[in-house]
Protein backbone atom coordinates (compact mmCIF):
# COMPACT_ATOMS: atom_id res chain seq x y z
CA UNK A 1 0.00 0.00 0.00
CA UNK A 2 2.92 2.34 -0.29
CA UNK A 3 6.08 3.24 1.45
CA UNK A 4 7.03 6.23 3.53
CA UNK A 5 5.15 8.54 1.14
CA UNK A 6 1.82 6.85 1.83
CA UNK A 7 -0.74 5.59 -0.64
CA UNK A 8 0.48 7.85 -3.43
CA UNK A 9 3.98 6.40 -3.32
CA UNK A 10 3.60 3.66 -5.98
CA UNK A 11 2.04 5.96 -8.57
CA UNK A 12 4.47 8.79 -7.88
CA UNK A 13 7.49 6.46 -8.04
CA UNK A 14 6.31 4.76 -11.24
CA UNK A 15 5.66 8.07 -12.99
CA UNK A 16 8.96 9.48 -11.76
CA UNK A 17 10.85 6.41 -12.99
CA UNK A 18 9.34 6.77 -16.46
CA UNK A 19 10.32 10.45 -16.59
CA UNK A 20 13.82 9.75 -15.31
CA UNK A 21 14.40 6.89 -17.75
CA UNK A 22 13.28 9.10 -20.64
CA UNK A 23 15.74 11.79 -19.54
CA UNK A 24 18.58 9.27 -19.24
CA UNK A 25 17.83 7.79 -22.67
CA UNK A 26 18.07 11.19 -24.36
CA UNK A 27 20.97 12.38 -22.16
CA UNK A 28 19.20 15.43 -20.78
CA UNK A 29 20.70 17.64 -18.09
CA UNK A 30 19.93 17.75 -14.38
CA UNK A 31 17.25 20.45 -14.64
CA UNK A 32 15.41 18.70 -17.46
CA UNK A 33 15.67 15.34 -15.68
CA UNK A 34 14.23 16.81 -12.50
CA UNK A 35 11.38 18.40 -14.46
CA UNK A 36 10.56 15.11 -16.23
CA UNK A 37 10.71 13.29 -12.91
CA UNK A 38 8.22 15.78 -11.44
CA UNK A 39 6.00 15.57 -14.53
CA UNK A 40 5.87 11.79 -14.25
CA UNK A 41 4.92 11.98 -10.59
CA UNK A 42 2.29 14.61 -11.42
CA UNK A 43 0.74 12.41 -14.10
CA UNK A 44 0.74 9.42 -11.76
CA UNK A 45 -1.00 11.30 -8.95
CA UNK A 46 -3.48 12.91 -11.35
CA UNK A 47 -4.40 9.59 -12.94
CA UNK A 48 -4.65 7.53 -9.75
CA UNK A 49 -6.70 9.99 -7.73
CA UNK A 50 -8.37 11.91 -10.59
CA UNK A 51 -6.97 15.08 -9.09
CA UNK A 52 -4.77 17.00 -11.54
CA UNK A 53 -4.39 20.08 -9.33
CA UNK A 54 -3.32 17.92 -6.39
CA UNK A 55 -0.72 16.28 -8.65
CA UNK A 56 0.72 19.67 -9.58
CA UNK A 57 0.78 20.81 -5.97
CA UNK A 58 2.47 17.53 -4.94
CA UNK A 59 5.23 18.06 -7.49
CA UNK A 60 5.87 21.66 -6.47
CA UNK A 61 5.76 20.89 -2.77
CA UNK A 62 7.79 17.68 -2.65
CA UNK A 63 9.92 17.36 -5.79
CA UNK A 64 10.73 20.85 -7.07
CA UNK A 65 12.59 23.33 -4.90
CA UNK A 66 11.25 26.57 -6.36
CA UNK A 67 8.22 27.72 -8.28
CA UNK A 68 9.22 28.72 -11.80
CA UNK A 69 6.63 29.55 -14.45
CA UNK A 70 8.48 27.55 -17.09
CA UNK A 71 8.19 24.46 -14.88
CA UNK A 72 4.47 25.01 -14.40
CA UNK A 73 3.48 24.43 -18.05
CA UNK A 74 4.89 20.87 -18.43
CA UNK A 75 3.34 19.89 -15.10
CA UNK A 76 -0.09 21.11 -16.22
CA UNK A 77 0.22 19.16 -19.46
CA UNK A 78 1.30 16.02 -17.58
CA UNK A 79 -1.55 16.35 -15.07
CA UNK A 80 -4.18 16.81 -17.78
CA UNK A 81 -2.81 13.90 -19.85
CA UNK A 82 -2.68 11.63 -16.81
CA UNK A 83 -6.21 12.52 -15.75
CA UNK A 84 -7.64 12.09 -19.26
CA UNK A 85 -5.82 8.80 -19.77
CA UNK A 86 -7.25 7.51 -16.51
CA UNK A 87 -10.77 8.60 -17.44
CA UNK A 88 -10.54 6.97 -20.85
CA UNK A 89 -9.17 3.72 -19.44
CA UNK A 90 -11.53 3.50 -16.47
CA UNK A 91 -14.54 4.93 -18.33
CA UNK A 92 -15.43 7.60 -15.75
CA UNK A 93 -15.01 5.20 -12.81
CA UNK A 94 -12.61 5.62 -9.90
CA UNK A 95 -9.44 3.57 -9.44
CA UNK A 96 -9.60 3.22 -5.67
CA UNK A 97 -13.04 2.49 -4.26
CA UNK A 98 -13.55 2.53 -0.52
CA UNK A 99 -16.48 0.50 0.75
CA UNK A 100 -17.70 1.15 4.25
CA UNK A 101 -19.24 -1.84 5.97
CA UNK A 102 -19.82 -0.54 9.46
CA UNK A 103 -22.18 -1.68 12.16
CA UNK A 104 -25.43 0.22 12.26
CA UNK A 105 -26.73 0.69 15.79
CA UNK A 106 -30.44 1.22 16.29
PDB file of N, CA and C in Angstrom:
ATOM      1  N   UNK A   1       0.812  -1.196   0.000  1.00  0.00           N
ATOM      2  CA  UNK A   1       0.000   0.000   0.000  1.00  0.00           C
ATOM      3  C   UNK A   1       0.852   1.255   0.000  1.00  0.00           C
ATOM      4  N   UNK A   2       2.101   1.139  -0.224  1.00  0.00           N
ATOM      5  CA  UNK A   2       2.916   2.341  -0.291  1.00  0.00           C
ATOM      6  C   UNK A   2       4.055   2.289   0.709  1.00  0.00           C
ATOM      7  N   UNK A   3       4.944   3.183   0.547  1.00  0.00           N
ATOM      8  CA  UNK A   3       6.081   3.241   1.452  1.00  0.00           C
ATOM      9  C   UNK A   3       5.943   4.415   2.396  1.00  0.00           C
ATOM     10  N   UNK A   4       7.038   5.118   2.598  1.00  0.00           N
ATOM     11  CA  UNK A   4       7.027   6.230   3.532  1.00  0.00           C
ATOM     12  C   UNK A   4       6.229   7.419   3.005  1.00  0.00           C
ATOM     13  N   UNK A   5       5.931   7.445   1.716  1.00  0.00           N
ATOM     14  CA  UNK A   5       5.152   8.545   1.137  1.00  0.00           C
ATOM     15  C   UNK A   5       3.653   8.274   1.192  1.00  0.00           C
ATOM     16  N   UNK A   6       3.245   7.138   1.692  1.00  0.00           N
ATOM     17  CA  UNK A   6       1.821   6.847   1.830  1.00  0.00           C
ATOM     18  C   UNK A   6       1.246   6.136   0.622  1.00  0.00           C
ATOM     19  N   UNK A   7      -0.057   6.288   0.447  1.00  0.00           N
ATOM     20  CA  UNK A   7      -0.736   5.587  -0.641  1.00  0.00           C
ATOM     21  C   UNK A   7      -0.333   6.083  -2.024  1.00  0.00           C
ATOM     22  N   UNK A   8       0.110   7.323  -2.122  1.00  0.00           N
ATOM     23  CA  UNK A   8       0.479   7.845  -3.434  1.00  0.00           C
ATOM     24  C   UNK A   8       1.880   7.456  -3.856  1.00  0.00           C
ATOM     25  N   UNK A   9       2.604   6.766  -3.021  1.00  0.00           N
ATOM     26  CA  UNK A   9       3.979   6.397  -3.318  1.00  0.00           C
ATOM     27  C   UNK A   9       4.140   5.546  -4.584  1.00  0.00           C
ATOM     28  N   UNK A  10       3.376   4.459  -4.783  1.00  0.00           N
ATOM     29  CA  UNK A  10       3.598   3.655  -5.984  1.00  0.00           C
ATOM     30  C   UNK A  10       3.347   4.411  -7.286  1.00  0.00           C
ATOM     31  N   UNK A  11       2.303   5.227  -7.333  1.00  0.00           N
ATOM     32  CA  UNK A  11       2.037   5.958  -8.568  1.00  0.00           C
ATOM     33  C   UNK A  11       3.058   7.053  -8.796  1.00  0.00           C
ATOM     34  N   UNK A  12       3.471   7.729  -7.739  1.00  0.00           N
ATOM     35  CA  UNK A  12       4.470   8.785  -7.883  1.00  0.00           C
ATOM     36  C   UNK A  12       5.820   8.203  -8.298  1.00  0.00           C
ATOM     37  N   UNK A  13       6.198   7.080  -7.712  1.00  0.00           N
ATOM     38  CA  UNK A  13       7.485   6.461  -8.037  1.00  0.00           C
ATOM     39  C   UNK A  13       7.486   5.904  -9.462  1.00  0.00           C
ATOM     40  N   UNK A  14       6.400   5.301  -9.878  1.00  0.00           N
ATOM     41  CA  UNK A  14       6.313   4.765 -11.244  1.00  0.00           C
ATOM     42  C   UNK A  14       6.384   5.877 -12.276  1.00  0.00           C
ATOM     43  N   UNK A  15       5.615   6.940 -12.067  1.00  0.00           N
ATOM     44  CA  UNK A  15       5.662   8.071 -12.991  1.00  0.00           C
ATOM     45  C   UNK A  15       7.021   8.739 -13.005  1.00  0.00           C
ATOM     46  N   UNK A  16       7.631   8.877 -11.838  1.00  0.00           N
ATOM     47  CA  UNK A  16       8.961   9.479 -11.760  1.00  0.00           C
ATOM     48  C   UNK A  16      10.009   8.624 -12.455  1.00  0.00           C
ATOM     49  N   UNK A  17       9.896   7.311 -12.327  1.00  0.00           N
ATOM     50  CA  UNK A  17      10.845   6.413 -12.986  1.00  0.00           C
ATOM     51  C   UNK A  17      10.734   6.511 -14.502  1.00  0.00           C
ATOM     52  N   UNK A  18       9.521   6.617 -15.005  1.00  0.00           N
ATOM     53  CA  UNK A  18       9.339   6.765 -16.458  1.00  0.00           C
ATOM     54  C   UNK A  18       9.965   8.071 -16.942  1.00  0.00           C
ATOM     55  N   UNK A  19       9.729   9.169 -16.217  1.00  0.00           N
ATOM     56  CA  UNK A  19      10.323  10.450 -16.594  1.00  0.00           C
ATOM     57  C   UNK A  19      11.842  10.431 -16.511  1.00  0.00           C
ATOM     58  N   UNK A  20      12.377   9.820 -15.469  1.00  0.00           N
ATOM     59  CA  UNK A  20      13.823   9.755 -15.308  1.00  0.00           C
ATOM     60  C   UNK A  20      14.472   8.880 -16.381  1.00  0.00           C
ATOM     61  N   UNK A  21      13.853   7.755 -16.703  1.00  0.00           N
ATOM     62  CA  UNK A  21      14.398   6.889 -17.753  1.00  0.00           C
ATOM     63  C   UNK A  21      14.379   7.578 -19.115  1.00  0.00           C
ATOM     64  N   UNK A  22      13.332   8.335 -19.388  1.00  0.00           N
ATOM     65  CA  UNK A  22      13.275   9.096 -20.637  1.00  0.00           C
ATOM     66  C   UNK A  22      14.417  10.109 -20.691  1.00  0.00           C
ATOM     67  N   UNK A  23      14.669  10.799 -19.578  1.00  0.00           N
ATOM     68  CA  UNK A  23      15.745  11.794 -19.541  1.00  0.00           C
ATOM     69  C   UNK A  23      17.116  11.142 -19.685  1.00  0.00           C
ATOM     70  N   UNK A  24      17.307   9.969 -19.099  1.00  0.00           N
ATOM     71  CA  UNK A  24      18.584   9.270 -19.243  1.00  0.00           C
ATOM     72  C   UNK A  24      18.795   8.769 -20.664  1.00  0.00           C
ATOM     73  N   UNK A  25      17.716   8.299 -21.295  1.00  0.00           N
ATOM     74  CA  UNK A  25      17.832   7.793 -22.665  1.00  0.00           C
ATOM     75  C   UNK A  25      18.282   8.890 -23.621  1.00  0.00           C
ATOM     76  N   UNK A  26      17.737  10.083 -23.451  1.00  0.00           N
ATOM     77  CA  UNK A  26      18.065  11.189 -24.358  1.00  0.00           C
ATOM     78  C   UNK A  26      19.141  12.109 -23.800  1.00  0.00           C
ATOM     79  N   UNK A  27      19.832  11.681 -22.740  1.00  0.00           N
ATOM     80  CA  UNK A  27      20.965  12.379 -22.159  1.00  0.00           C
ATOM     81  C   UNK A  27      20.661  13.859 -21.866  1.00  0.00           C
ATOM     82  N   UNK A  28      19.579  14.085 -21.161  1.00  0.00           N
ATOM     83  CA  UNK A  28      19.204  15.435 -20.777  1.00  0.00           C
ATOM     84  C   UNK A  28      19.938  15.837 -19.504  1.00  0.00           C
ATOM     85  N   UNK A  29      20.000  17.124 -19.254  1.00  0.00           N
ATOM     86  CA  UNK A  29      20.699  17.643 -18.086  1.00  0.00           C
ATOM     87  C   UNK A  29      19.908  17.448 -16.795  1.00  0.00           C
ATOM     88  N   UNK A  30      20.519  17.928 -15.710  1.00  0.00           N
ATOM     89  CA  UNK A  30      19.930  17.750 -14.379  1.00  0.00           C
ATOM     90  C   UNK A  30      18.575  18.456 -14.258  1.00  0.00           C
ATOM     91  N   UNK A  31      18.490  19.685 -14.752  1.00  0.00           N
ATOM     92  CA  UNK A  31      17.250  20.454 -14.637  1.00  0.00           C
ATOM     93  C   UNK A  31      16.130  19.801 -15.434  1.00  0.00           C
ATOM     94  N   UNK A  32      16.425  19.357 -16.641  1.00  0.00           N
ATOM     95  CA  UNK A  32      15.407  18.702 -17.463  1.00  0.00           C
ATOM     96  C   UNK A  32      15.000  17.352 -16.866  1.00  0.00           C
ATOM     97  N   UNK A  33      15.970  16.635 -16.305  1.00  0.00           N
ATOM     98  CA  UNK A  33      15.671  15.341 -15.684  1.00  0.00           C
ATOM     99  C   UNK A  33      14.770  15.531 -14.460  1.00  0.00           C
ATOM    100  N   UNK A  34      15.062  16.534 -13.674  1.00  0.00           N
ATOM    101  CA  UNK A  34      14.232  16.815 -12.501  1.00  0.00           C
ATOM    102  C   UNK A  34      12.823  17.206 -12.918  1.00  0.00           C
ATOM    103  N   UNK A  35      12.704  17.995 -13.979  1.00  0.00           N
ATOM    104  CA  UNK A  35      11.384  18.399 -14.459  1.00  0.00           C
ATOM    105  C   UNK A  35      10.603  17.208 -15.000  1.00  0.00           C
ATOM    106  N   UNK A  36      11.250  16.308 -15.736  1.00  0.00           N
ATOM    107  CA  UNK A  36      10.559  15.115 -16.235  1.00  0.00           C
ATOM    108  C   UNK A  36      10.190  14.168 -15.097  1.00  0.00           C
ATOM    109  N   UNK A  37      11.028  14.092 -14.085  1.00  0.00           N
ATOM    110  CA  UNK A  37      10.713  13.288 -12.910  1.00  0.00           C
ATOM    111  C   UNK A  37       9.467  13.835 -12.215  1.00  0.00           C
ATOM    112  N   UNK A  38       9.396  15.154 -12.069  1.00  0.00           N
ATOM    113  CA  UNK A  38       8.224  15.784 -11.442  1.00  0.00           C
ATOM    114  C   UNK A  38       6.982  15.637 -12.314  1.00  0.00           C
ATOM    115  N   UNK A  39       7.145  15.732 -13.632  1.00  0.00           N
ATOM    116  CA  UNK A  39       5.999  15.573 -14.534  1.00  0.00           C
ATOM    117  C   UNK A  39       5.456  14.151 -14.482  1.00  0.00           C
ATOM    118  N   UNK A  40       6.337  13.166 -14.370  1.00  0.00           N
ATOM    119  CA  UNK A  40       5.874  11.786 -14.252  1.00  0.00           C
ATOM    120  C   UNK A  40       5.123  11.543 -12.960  1.00  0.00           C
ATOM    121  N   UNK A  41       5.618  12.111 -11.872  1.00  0.00           N
ATOM    122  CA  UNK A  41       4.918  11.983 -10.592  1.00  0.00           C
ATOM    123  C   UNK A  41       3.575  12.702 -10.641  1.00  0.00           C
ATOM    124  N   UNK A  42       3.535  13.855 -11.281  1.00  0.00           N
ATOM    125  CA  UNK A  42       2.286  14.605 -11.423  1.00  0.00           C
ATOM    126  C   UNK A  42       1.256  13.808 -12.194  1.00  0.00           C
ATOM    127  N   UNK A  43       1.668  13.212 -13.305  1.00  0.00           N
ATOM    128  CA  UNK A  43       0.742  12.413 -14.102  1.00  0.00           C
ATOM    129  C   UNK A  43       0.260  11.192 -13.330  1.00  0.00           C
ATOM    130  N   UNK A  44       1.142  10.572 -12.553  1.00  0.00           N
ATOM    131  CA  UNK A  44       0.743   9.421 -11.756  1.00  0.00           C
ATOM    132  C   UNK A  44      -0.276   9.767 -10.694  1.00  0.00           C
ATOM    133  N   UNK A  45      -0.058  10.860  -9.980  1.00  0.00           N
ATOM    134  CA  UNK A  45      -1.001  11.297  -8.949  1.00  0.00           C
ATOM    135  C   UNK A  45      -2.325  11.711  -9.580  1.00  0.00           C
ATOM    136  N   UNK A  46      -2.252  12.442 -10.687  1.00  0.00           N
ATOM    137  CA  UNK A  46      -3.475  12.907 -11.346  1.00  0.00           C
ATOM    138  C   UNK A  46      -4.303  11.748 -11.881  1.00  0.00           C
ATOM    139  N   UNK A  47      -3.644  10.712 -12.380  1.00  0.00           N
ATOM    140  CA  UNK A  47      -4.400   9.590 -12.939  1.00  0.00           C
ATOM    141  C   UNK A  47      -4.944   8.670 -11.853  1.00  0.00           C
ATOM    142  N   UNK A  48      -4.198   8.458 -10.791  1.00  0.00           N
ATOM    143  CA  UNK A  48      -4.653   7.533  -9.748  1.00  0.00           C
ATOM    144  C   UNK A  48      -5.792   8.106  -8.926  1.00  0.00           C
ATOM    145  N   UNK A  49      -5.709   9.388  -8.603  1.00  0.00           N
ATOM    146  CA  UNK A  49      -6.702   9.993  -7.730  1.00  0.00           C
ATOM    147  C   UNK A  49      -7.666  10.912  -8.458  1.00  0.00           C
ATOM    148  N   UNK A  50      -7.530  11.027  -9.782  1.00  0.00           N
ATOM    149  CA  UNK A  50      -8.372  11.905 -10.593  1.00  0.00           C
ATOM    150  C   UNK A  50      -8.340  13.323 -10.018  1.00  0.00           C
ATOM    151  N   UNK A  51      -7.156  13.774  -9.701  1.00  0.00           N
ATOM    152  CA  UNK A  51      -6.967  15.085  -9.093  1.00  0.00           C
ATOM    153  C   UNK A  51      -5.754  15.766  -9.710  1.00  0.00           C
ATOM    154  N   UNK A  52      -5.927  16.400 -10.870  1.00  0.00           N
ATOM    155  CA  UNK A  52      -4.768  17.001 -11.535  1.00  0.00           C
ATOM    156  C   UNK A  52      -4.138  18.160 -10.764  1.00  0.00           C
ATOM    157  N   UNK A  53      -4.949  18.957 -10.082  1.00  0.00           N
ATOM    158  CA  UNK A  53      -4.390  20.078  -9.326  1.00  0.00           C
ATOM    159  C   UNK A  53      -3.585  19.565  -8.135  1.00  0.00           C
ATOM    160  N   UNK A  54      -4.066  18.511  -7.501  1.00  0.00           N
ATOM    161  CA  UNK A  54      -3.316  17.921  -6.393  1.00  0.00           C
ATOM    162  C   UNK A  54      -1.986  17.343  -6.877  1.00  0.00           C
ATOM    163  N   UNK A  55      -1.965  16.781  -8.083  1.00  0.00           N
ATOM    164  CA  UNK A  55      -0.718  16.276  -8.651  1.00  0.00           C
ATOM    165  C   UNK A  55       0.299  17.380  -8.871  1.00  0.00           C
ATOM    166  N   UNK A  56      -0.177  18.526  -9.363  1.00  0.00           N
ATOM    167  CA  UNK A  56       0.717  19.668  -9.583  1.00  0.00           C
ATOM    168  C   UNK A  56       1.244  20.190  -8.250  1.00  0.00           C
ATOM    169  N   UNK A  57       0.361  20.313  -7.276  1.00  0.00           N
ATOM    170  CA  UNK A  57       0.783  20.808  -5.965  1.00  0.00           C
ATOM    171  C   UNK A  57       1.769  19.834  -5.298  1.00  0.00           C
ATOM    172  N   UNK A  58       1.549  18.533  -5.482  1.00  0.00           N
ATOM    173  CA  UNK A  58       2.469  17.529  -4.938  1.00  0.00           C
ATOM    174  C   UNK A  58       3.859  17.704  -5.536  1.00  0.00           C
ATOM    175  N   UNK A  59       3.922  17.914  -6.838  1.00  0.00           N
ATOM    176  CA  UNK A  59       5.225  18.058  -7.491  1.00  0.00           C
ATOM    177  C   UNK A  59       5.945  19.318  -7.025  1.00  0.00           C
ATOM    178  N   UNK A  60       5.221  20.423  -6.921  1.00  0.00           N
ATOM    179  CA  UNK A  60       5.866  21.657  -6.474  1.00  0.00           C
ATOM    180  C   UNK A  60       6.277  21.590  -5.006  1.00  0.00           C
ATOM    181  N   UNK A  61       5.475  20.931  -4.199  1.00  0.00           N
ATOM    182  CA  UNK A  61       5.762  20.891  -2.769  1.00  0.00           C
ATOM    183  C   UNK A  61       6.879  19.910  -2.422  1.00  0.00           C
ATOM    184  N   UNK A  62       6.864  18.738  -3.038  1.00  0.00           N
ATOM    185  CA  UNK A  62       7.786  17.680  -2.652  1.00  0.00           C
ATOM    186  C   UNK A  62       9.019  17.612  -3.556  1.00  0.00           C
ATOM    187  N   UNK A  63       8.827  17.669  -4.865  1.00  0.00           N
ATOM    188  CA  UNK A  63       9.915  17.364  -5.792  1.00  0.00           C
ATOM    189  C   UNK A  63      10.704  18.576  -6.278  1.00  0.00           C
ATOM    190  N   UNK A  64      10.039  19.677  -6.547  1.00  0.00           N
ATOM    191  CA  UNK A  64      10.729  20.851  -7.071  1.00  0.00           C
ATOM    192  C   UNK A  64      11.025  21.815  -5.932  1.00  0.00           C
ATOM    193  N   UNK A  65      12.180  22.464  -5.991  1.00  0.00           N
ATOM    194  CA  UNK A  65      12.586  23.334  -4.895  1.00  0.00           C
ATOM    195  C   UNK A  65      11.973  24.723  -4.997  1.00  0.00           C
ATOM    196  N   UNK A  66      11.799  25.234  -6.185  1.00  0.00           N
ATOM    197  CA  UNK A  66      11.245  26.574  -6.357  1.00  0.00           C
ATOM    198  C   UNK A  66      10.155  26.586  -7.400  1.00  0.00           C
ATOM    199  N   UNK A  67       9.310  27.584  -7.323  1.00  0.00           N
ATOM    200  CA  UNK A  67       8.220  27.717  -8.283  1.00  0.00           C
ATOM    201  C   UNK A  67       8.703  28.606  -9.425  1.00  0.00           C
ATOM    202  N   UNK A  68       8.814  28.007 -10.605  1.00  0.00           N
ATOM    203  CA  UNK A  68       9.216  28.724 -11.800  1.00  0.00           C
ATOM    204  C   UNK A  68       8.113  28.542 -12.834  1.00  0.00           C
ATOM    205  N   UNK A  69       7.733  29.625 -13.499  1.00  0.00           N
ATOM    206  CA  UNK A  69       6.627  29.549 -14.448  1.00  0.00           C
ATOM    207  C   UNK A  69       6.910  28.571 -15.589  1.00  0.00           C
ATOM    208  N   UNK A  70       8.154  28.474 -16.007  1.00  0.00           N
ATOM    209  CA  UNK A  70       8.477  27.546 -17.091  1.00  0.00           C
ATOM    210  C   UNK A  70       8.330  26.084 -16.669  1.00  0.00           C
ATOM    211  N   UNK A  71       8.427  25.813 -15.376  1.00  0.00           N
ATOM    212  CA  UNK A  71       8.191  24.458 -14.876  1.00  0.00           C
ATOM    213  C   UNK A  71       6.706  24.157 -14.729  1.00  0.00           C
ATOM    214  N   UNK A  72       5.905  25.181 -14.626  1.00  0.00           N
ATOM    215  CA  UNK A  72       4.474  25.006 -14.401  1.00  0.00           C
ATOM    216  C   UNK A  72       3.769  24.423 -15.626  1.00  0.00           C
ATOM    217  N   UNK A  73       4.160  24.849 -16.823  1.00  0.00           N
ATOM    218  CA  UNK A  73       3.476  24.427 -18.052  1.00  0.00           C
ATOM    219  C   UNK A  73       3.609  22.923 -18.304  1.00  0.00           C
ATOM    220  N   UNK A  74       4.811  22.316 -18.238  1.00  0.00           N
ATOM    221  CA  UNK A  74       4.885  20.866 -18.430  1.00  0.00           C
ATOM    222  C   UNK A  74       4.133  20.073 -17.371  1.00  0.00           C
ATOM    223  N   UNK A  75       4.075  20.594 -16.146  1.00  0.00           N
ATOM    224  CA  UNK A  75       3.342  19.893 -15.102  1.00  0.00           C
ATOM    225  C   UNK A  75       1.838  19.926 -15.357  1.00  0.00           C
ATOM    226  N   UNK A  76       1.338  21.033 -15.873  1.00  0.00           N
ATOM    227  CA  UNK A  76      -0.093  21.113 -16.217  1.00  0.00           C
ATOM    228  C   UNK A  76      -0.415  20.138 -17.339  1.00  0.00           C
ATOM    229  N   UNK A  77       0.436  20.090 -18.348  1.00  0.00           N
ATOM    230  CA  UNK A  77       0.221  19.161 -19.462  1.00  0.00           C
ATOM    231  C   UNK A  77       0.254  17.713 -18.975  1.00  0.00           C
ATOM    232  N   UNK A  78       1.201  17.385 -18.113  1.00  0.00           N
ATOM    233  CA  UNK A  78       1.300  16.021 -17.581  1.00  0.00           C
ATOM    234  C   UNK A  78       0.085  15.666 -16.737  1.00  0.00           C
ATOM    235  N   UNK A  79      -0.392  16.609 -15.924  1.00  0.00           N
ATOM    236  CA  UNK A  79      -1.555  16.349 -15.074  1.00  0.00           C
ATOM    237  C   UNK A  79      -2.807  16.134 -15.908  1.00  0.00           C
ATOM    238  N   UNK A  80      -2.991  16.949 -16.919  1.00  0.00           N
ATOM    239  CA  UNK A  80      -4.176  16.810 -17.783  1.00  0.00           C
ATOM    240  C   UNK A  80      -4.111  15.501 -18.565  1.00  0.00           C
ATOM    241  N   UNK A  81      -2.952  15.165 -19.102  1.00  0.00           N
ATOM    242  CA  UNK A  81      -2.813  13.904 -19.848  1.00  0.00           C
ATOM    243  C   UNK A  81      -3.029  12.694 -18.944  1.00  0.00           C
ATOM    244  N   UNK A  82      -2.484  12.730 -17.744  1.00  0.00           N
ATOM    245  CA  UNK A  82      -2.680  11.625 -16.806  1.00  0.00           C
ATOM    246  C   UNK A  82      -4.126  11.463 -16.411  1.00  0.00           C
ATOM    247  N   UNK A  83      -4.806  12.566 -16.144  1.00  0.00           N
ATOM    248  CA  UNK A  83      -6.208  12.517 -15.748  1.00  0.00           C
ATOM    249  C   UNK A  83      -7.088  12.038 -16.900  1.00  0.00           C
ATOM    250  N   UNK A  84      -6.843  12.536 -18.106  1.00  0.00           N
ATOM    251  CA  UNK A  84      -7.637  12.093 -19.261  1.00  0.00           C
ATOM    252  C   UNK A  84      -7.389  10.629 -19.595  1.00  0.00           C
ATOM    253  N   UNK A  85      -6.146  10.197 -19.505  1.00  0.00           N
ATOM    254  CA  UNK A  85      -5.818   8.801 -19.769  1.00  0.00           C
ATOM    255  C   UNK A  85      -6.535   7.881 -18.785  1.00  0.00           C
ATOM    256  N   UNK A  86      -6.558   8.291 -17.529  1.00  0.00           N
ATOM    257  CA  UNK A  86      -7.252   7.513 -16.510  1.00  0.00           C
ATOM    258  C   UNK A  86      -8.751   7.456 -16.778  1.00  0.00           C
ATOM    259  N   UNK A  87      -9.330   8.583 -17.156  1.00  0.00           N
ATOM    260  CA  UNK A  87     -10.772   8.605 -17.437  1.00  0.00           C
ATOM    261  C   UNK A  87     -11.126   7.766 -18.653  1.00  0.00           C
ATOM    262  N   UNK A  88     -10.280   7.778 -19.657  1.00  0.00           N
ATOM    263  CA  UNK A  88     -10.544   6.970 -20.853  1.00  0.00           C
ATOM    264  C   UNK A  88     -10.417   5.490 -20.529  1.00  0.00           C
ATOM    265  N   UNK A  89      -9.371   5.125 -19.775  1.00  0.00           N
ATOM    266  CA  UNK A  89      -9.170   3.717 -19.444  1.00  0.00           C
ATOM    267  C   UNK A  89     -10.229   3.182 -18.500  1.00  0.00           C
ATOM    268  N   UNK A  90     -10.589   3.969 -17.479  1.00  0.00           N
ATOM    269  CA  UNK A  90     -11.532   3.501 -16.469  1.00  0.00           C
ATOM    270  C   UNK A  90     -12.983   3.832 -16.805  1.00  0.00           C
ATOM    271  N   UNK A  91     -13.198   4.558 -17.872  1.00  0.00           N
ATOM    272  CA  UNK A  91     -14.542   4.932 -18.333  1.00  0.00           C
ATOM    273  C   UNK A  91     -15.334   5.623 -17.235  1.00  0.00           C
ATOM    274  N   UNK A  92     -14.794   6.739 -16.752  1.00  0.00           N
ATOM    275  CA  UNK A  92     -15.431   7.597 -15.746  1.00  0.00           C
ATOM    276  C   UNK A  92     -15.636   6.911 -14.397  1.00  0.00           C
ATOM    277  N   UNK A  93     -14.930   5.860 -14.105  1.00  0.00           N
ATOM    278  CA  UNK A  93     -15.012   5.202 -12.812  1.00  0.00           C
ATOM    279  C   UNK A  93     -13.768   5.565 -12.015  1.00  0.00           C
ATOM    280  N   UNK A  94     -13.755   5.297 -10.741  1.00  0.00           N
ATOM    281  CA  UNK A  94     -12.606   5.616  -9.903  1.00  0.00           C
ATOM    282  C   UNK A  94     -11.691   4.406  -9.782  1.00  0.00           C
ATOM    283  N   UNK A  95     -10.414   4.652  -9.552  1.00  0.00           N
ATOM    284  CA  UNK A  95      -9.444   3.571  -9.444  1.00  0.00           C
ATOM    285  C   UNK A  95      -9.494   2.926  -8.064  1.00  0.00           C
ATOM    286  N   UNK A  96      -9.544   3.735  -7.027  1.00  0.00           N
ATOM    287  CA  UNK A  96      -9.598   3.219  -5.669  1.00  0.00           C
ATOM    288  C   UNK A  96     -10.998   3.441  -5.110  1.00  0.00           C
ATOM    289  N   UNK A  97     -11.685   2.387  -4.797  1.00  0.00           N
ATOM    290  CA  UNK A  97     -13.036   2.487  -4.256  1.00  0.00           C
ATOM    291  C   UNK A  97     -12.996   2.022  -2.802  1.00  0.00           C
ATOM    292  N   UNK A  98     -13.518   2.841  -1.937  1.00  0.00           N
ATOM    293  CA  UNK A  98     -13.554   2.526  -0.516  1.00  0.00           C
ATOM    294  C   UNK A  98     -14.979   2.175  -0.143  1.00  0.00           C
ATOM    295  N   UNK A  99     -15.155   0.966   0.322  1.00  0.00           N
ATOM    296  CA  UNK A  99     -16.482   0.502   0.745  1.00  0.00           C
ATOM    297  C   UNK A  99     -16.526   0.487   2.261  1.00  0.00           C
ATOM    298  N   UNK A 100     -17.541   1.103   2.801  1.00  0.00           N
ATOM    299  CA  UNK A 100     -17.696   1.146   4.248  1.00  0.00           C
ATOM    300  C   UNK A 100     -18.742   0.121   4.662  1.00  0.00           C
ATOM    301  N   UNK A 101     -18.330  -0.808   5.475  1.00  0.00           N
ATOM    302  CA  UNK A 101     -19.239  -1.838   5.975  1.00  0.00           C
ATOM    303  C   UNK A 101     -19.222  -1.778   7.501  1.00  0.00           C
ATOM    304  N   UNK A 102     -19.819  -0.731   8.013  1.00  0.00           N
ATOM    305  CA  UNK A 102     -19.825  -0.539   9.459  1.00  0.00           C
ATOM    306  C   UNK A 102     -21.061  -1.172  10.105  1.00  0.00           C
ATOM    307  N   UNK A 103     -21.061  -1.130  11.395  1.00  0.00           N
ATOM    308  CA  UNK A 103     -22.180  -1.680  12.159  1.00  0.00           C
ATOM    309  C   UNK A 103     -23.169  -0.551  12.417  1.00  0.00           C
ATOM    310  N   UNK A 104     -24.388  -0.775  12.048  1.00  0.00           N
ATOM    311  CA  UNK A 104     -25.429   0.218  12.261  1.00  0.00           C
ATOM    312  C   UNK A 104     -26.112  -0.080  13.587  1.00  0.00           C
ATOM    313  N   UNK A 105     -26.089   0.879  14.468  1.00  0.00           N
ATOM    314  CA  UNK A 105     -26.732   0.694  15.785  1.00  0.00           C
ATOM    315  C   UNK A 105     -28.092   1.370  15.785  1.00  0.00           C
ATOM    316  N   UNK A 106     -29.094   0.653  16.211  1.00  0.00           N
ATOM    317  CA  UNK A 106     -30.441   1.217  16.292  1.00  0.00           C
ATOM    318  C   UNK A 106     -30.783   1.594  17.686  1.00  0.00           C
TER     319      UNK A 106
END
